[in-house]
Amino acid sequence: QVQLVESGGGLVQAGGSLRLSCAASGRTFSSYAMGWFRQAPGKEREFVAAISRRGVTKYYADSVKGRFTISRENAKNTVYLQMNSLKPEDTAIYYCAARDDNSGRYYYSPLRYDYWGQGTQVTVSS
């Protein structure tokens, strides 16, 4: 069992940056593949970025590639999402997710994740 708590959301102007953090409880964080998802009002939850358990492999949605960076510090039980060049269409609630997985893979389907945080709001004004 792992609990996830996101932080770092807020209001930012277009072109600005934010860094989201997701702190995980438990002592086996390094055995979890992690992902970031987002959900805008009236839309389905969509994949943003994923990272394998040791941070070796990463994967991004086309919509954020080149602007967002996912990373993790296993010693701190934390995964990050650095968001640069933000656009109004990035406005959403951002969720982190964890999957207990020792394969070294990443996952982009929300159905593959076992645990979710409560989300943090990101609002980008034009």
C-alpha atoms as a PDB file:
ATOM      1  CA  GLN A   1       0.000   0.000   0.000  1.00  0.00           C
ATOM      2  CA  VAL A   2       1.264   3.485  -0.839  1.00  0.00           C
ATOM      3  CA  GLN A   3      -0.243   6.911  -0.297  1.00  0.00           C
ATOM      4  CA  LEU A   4       0.486   9.740  -2.701  1.00  0.00           C
ATOM      5  CA  VAL A   5       0.281  13.468  -2.010  1.00  0.00           C
ATOM      6  CA  GLU A   6       0.724  16.018  -4.799  1.00  0.00           C
ATOM      7  CA  SER A   7       1.801  19.612  -4.301  1.00  0.00           C
ATOM      8  CA  GLY A   8       3.087  22.550  -6.304  1.00  0.00           C
ATOM      9  CA  GLY A   9       0.026  23.468  -8.321  1.00  0.00           C
ATOM     10  CA  GLY A  10      -1.209  27.019  -8.677  1.00  0.00           C
ATOM     11  CA  LEU A  11      -2.030  29.884 -11.012  1.00  0.00           C
ATOM     12  CA  VAL A  12       0.559  30.901 -13.592  1.00  0.00           C
ATOM     13  CA  GLN A  13       0.580  33.004 -16.737  1.00  0.00           C
ATOM     14  CA  ALA A  14       1.045  31.450 -20.142  1.00  0.00           C
ATOM     15  CA  GLY A  15       4.721  30.859 -20.806  1.00  0.00           C
ATOM     16  CA  GLY A  16       5.473  30.359 -17.139  1.00  0.00           C
ATOM     17  CA  SER A  17       6.682  27.343 -15.222  1.00  0.00           C
ATOM     18  CA  LEU A  18       5.601  25.184 -12.313  1.00  0.00           C
ATOM     19  CA  ARG A  19       7.108  22.131 -10.646  1.00  0.00           C
ATOM     20  CA  LEU A  20       4.759  19.552  -9.239  1.00  0.00           C
ATOM     21  CA  SER A  21       5.858  17.121  -6.556  1.00  0.00           C
ATOM     22  CA  CYS A  22       4.326  13.835  -5.501  1.00  0.00           C
ATOM     23  CA  ALA A  23       5.426  12.453  -2.153  1.00  0.00           C
ATOM     24  CA  ALA A  24       4.861   8.764  -1.495  1.00  0.00           C
ATOM     25  CA  SER A  25       4.585   6.963   1.803  1.00  0.00           C
ATOM     26  CA  GLY A  26       6.181   3.617   2.443  1.00  0.00           C
ATOM     27  CA  ARG A  27       9.657   2.185   2.128  1.00  0.00           C
ATOM     28  CA  THR A  28       9.445   0.535  -1.299  1.00  0.00           C
ATOM     29  CA  PHE A  29       9.057   3.583  -3.524  1.00  0.00           C
ATOM     30  CA  SER A  30      11.815   2.349  -5.818  1.00  0.00           C
ATOM     31  CA  SER A  31       9.670  -0.639  -6.775  1.00  0.00           C
ATOM     32  CA  TYR A  32       6.903   1.568  -8.196  1.00  0.00           C
ATOM     33  CA  ALA A  33       6.541   2.800 -11.732  1.00  0.00           C
ATOM     34  CA  MET A  34       5.107   6.317 -11.559  1.00  0.00           C
ATOM     35  CA  GLY A  35       2.978   8.444 -13.803  1.00  0.00           C
ATOM     36  CA  TRP A  36       1.380  11.865 -14.068  1.00  0.00           C
ATOM     37  CA  PHE A  37      -2.101  12.349 -15.475  1.00  0.00           C
ATOM     38  CA  ARG A  38      -4.403  15.333 -15.782  1.00  0.00           C
ATOM     39  CA  GLN A  39      -8.094  15.992 -16.077  1.00  0.00           C
ATOM     40  CA  ALA A  40      -9.669  19.179 -17.346  1.00  0.00           C
ATOM     41  CA  PRO A  41     -13.331  20.041 -16.669  1.00  0.00           C
ATOM     42  CA  GLY A  42     -15.650  18.005 -18.856  1.00  0.00           C
ATOM     43  CA  LYS A  43     -12.811  15.874 -20.226  1.00  0.00           C
ATOM     44  CA  GLU A  44     -11.473  12.429 -19.513  1.00  0.00           C
ATOM     45  CA  ARG A  45      -8.326  11.878 -17.532  1.00  0.00           C
ATOM     46  CA  GLU A  46      -5.350  11.878 -19.880  1.00  0.00           C
ATOM     47  CA  PHE A  47      -1.790  10.679 -19.696  1.00  0.00           C
ATOM     48  CA  VAL A  48       0.966  13.267 -19.269  1.00  0.00           C
ATOM     49  CA  ALA A  49       4.227  11.485 -18.411  1.00  0.00           C
ATOM     50  CA  ALA A  50       5.567   8.239 -16.958  1.00  0.00           C
ATOM     51  CA  ILE A  51       8.824   7.044 -15.471  1.00  0.00           C
ATOM     52  CA  SER A  52      10.169   3.590 -14.691  1.00  0.00           C
ATOM     53  CA  ARG A  53      10.987   2.566 -11.162  1.00  0.00           C
ATOM     54  CA  ARG A  54      14.651   3.552 -11.318  1.00  0.00           C
ATOM     55  CA  GLY A  55      14.095   6.536 -13.589  1.00  0.00           C
ATOM     56  CA  VAL A  56      15.912   4.944 -16.516  1.00  0.00           C
ATOM     57  CA  THR A  57      13.072   5.238 -19.010  1.00  0.00           C
ATOM     58  CA  LYS A  58      10.553   8.043 -19.438  1.00  0.00           C
ATOM     59  CA  TYR A  59       7.632   8.625 -21.745  1.00  0.00           C
ATOM     60  CA  TYR A  60       5.616  11.727 -22.558  1.00  0.00           C
ATOM     61  CA  ALA A  61       2.355  12.607 -24.203  1.00  0.00           C
ATOM     62  CA  ASP A  62       2.918  14.399 -27.500  1.00  0.00           C
ATOM     63  CA  SER A  63       1.130  17.448 -26.149  1.00  0.00           C
ATOM     64  CA  VAL A  64       3.788  18.040 -23.465  1.00  0.00           C
ATOM     65  CA  LYS A  65       6.915  16.626 -25.089  1.00  0.00           C
ATOM     66  CA  GLY A  66       9.748  19.148 -25.000  1.00  0.00           C
ATOM     67  CA  ARG A  67       8.002  21.268 -22.355  1.00  0.00           C
ATOM     68  CA  PHE A  68       7.513  18.904 -19.393  1.00  0.00           C
ATOM     69  CA  THR A  69      10.089  16.746 -17.642  1.00  0.00           C
ATOM     70  CA  ILE A  70       9.367  13.888 -15.261  1.00  0.00           C
ATOM     71  CA  SER A  71      11.976  12.845 -12.725  1.00  0.00           C
ATOM     72  CA  ARG A  72      12.216  11.027  -9.427  1.00  0.00           C
ATOM     73  CA  GLU A  73      14.338  10.876  -6.304  1.00  0.00           C
ATOM     74  CA  ASN A  74      13.885   7.439  -4.802  1.00  0.00           C
ATOM     75  CA  ALA A  75      15.826   8.418  -1.686  1.00  0.00           C
ATOM     76  CA  LYS A  76      13.163  11.064  -1.033  1.00  0.00           C
ATOM     77  CA  ASN A  77      10.184   8.954  -2.142  1.00  0.00           C
ATOM     78  CA  THR A  78       9.251  11.735  -4.549  1.00  0.00           C
ATOM     79  CA  VAL A  79       8.443  12.104  -8.216  1.00  0.00           C
ATOM     80  CA  TYR A  80       8.431  15.485  -9.954  1.00  0.00           C
ATOM     81  CA  LEU A  81       6.893  17.072 -13.003  1.00  0.00           C
ATOM     82  CA  GLN A  82       8.704  20.168 -14.224  1.00  0.00           C
ATOM     83  CA  MET A  83       6.367  22.114 -16.487  1.00  0.00           C
ATOM     84  CA  ASN A  84       7.786  24.868 -18.691  1.00  0.00           C
ATOM     85  CA  SER A  85       6.242  27.035 -21.425  1.00  0.00           C
ATOM     86  CA  LEU A  86       2.825  26.449 -19.963  1.00  0.00           C
ATOM     87  CA  LYS A  87      -0.230  27.008 -22.128  1.00  0.00           C
ATOM     88  CA  PRO A  88      -3.865  27.688 -21.175  1.00  0.00           C
ATOM     89  CA  GLU A  89      -4.730  24.211 -22.467  1.00  0.00           C
ATOM     90  CA  ASP A  90      -2.516  22.736 -19.741  1.00  0.00           C
ATOM     91  CA  THR A  91      -5.094  23.875 -17.193  1.00  0.00           C
ATOM     92  CA  ALA A  92      -6.318  20.802 -15.306  1.00  0.00           C
ATOM     93  CA  ILE A  93      -6.131  18.874 -12.081  1.00  0.00           C
ATOM     94  CA  TYR A  94      -2.875  16.936 -12.117  1.00  0.00           C
ATOM     95  CA  TYR A  95      -2.672  13.516 -10.490  1.00  0.00           C
ATOM     96  CA  CYS A  96       0.253  11.272  -9.768  1.00  0.00           C
ATOM     97  CA  ALA A  97      -0.152   7.515  -9.843  1.00  0.00           C
ATOM     98  CA  ALA A  98       1.886   4.494  -8.784  1.00  0.00           C
ATOM     99  CA  ARG A  99       2.081   0.916  -9.985  1.00  0.00           C
ATOM    100  CA  ASP A 100       3.839  -1.788  -7.991  1.00  0.00           C
ATOM    101  CA  ASP A 101       6.134  -3.069 -10.736  1.00  0.00           C
ATOM    102  CA  ASN A 102       9.666  -4.437 -10.820  1.00  0.00           C
ATOM    103  CA  SER A 103       9.830  -4.867 -14.582  1.00  0.00           C
ATOM    104  CA  GLY A 104      11.517  -1.556 -15.281  1.00  0.00           C
ATOM    105  CA  ARG A 105       8.748  -0.514 -17.642  1.00  0.00           C
ATOM    106  CA  TYR A 106       6.662   2.666 -17.786  1.00  0.00           C
ATOM    107  CA  TYR A 107       2.915   2.757 -18.308  1.00  0.00           C
ATOM    108  CA  TYR A 108       0.677   5.314 -20.030  1.00  0.00           C
ATOM    109  CA  SER A 109      -2.746   3.759 -19.409  1.00  0.00           C
ATOM    110  CA  PRO A 110      -4.467   4.895 -16.213  1.00  0.00           C
ATOM    111  CA  LEU A 111      -5.879   1.375 -15.924  1.00  0.00           C
ATOM    112  CA  ARG A 112      -2.390   0.026 -15.190  1.00  0.00           C
ATOM    113  CA  TYR A 113      -1.934   2.082 -12.030  1.00  0.00           C
ATOM    114  CA  ASP A 114      -2.847   0.880  -8.573  1.00  0.00           C
ATOM    115  CA  TYR A 115      -2.662   4.036  -6.451  1.00  0.00           C
ATOM    116  CA  TRP A 116      -3.620   7.651  -7.027  1.00  0.00           C
ATOM    117  CA  GLY A 117      -3.116  10.943  -5.273  1.00  0.00           C
ATOM    118  CA  GLN A 118      -5.855  13.483  -4.612  1.00  0.00           C
ATOM    119  CA  GLY A 119      -4.657  15.856  -7.325  1.00  0.00           C
ATOM    120  CA  THR A 120      -3.376  19.413  -7.489  1.00  0.00           C
ATOM    121  CA  GLN A 121      -4.922  22.202  -9.550  1.00  0.00           C
ATOM    122  CA  VAL A 122      -2.889  23.892 -12.265  1.00  0.00           C
ATOM    123  CA  THR A 123      -4.390  26.961 -13.895  1.00  0.00           C
ATOM    124  CA  VAL A 124      -2.681  28.752 -16.771  1.00  0.00           C
ATOM    125  CA  SER A 125      -4.028  32.165 -17.682  1.00  0.00           C
ATOM    126  CA  SER A 126      -3.710  33.655 -21.154  1.00  0.00           C
END
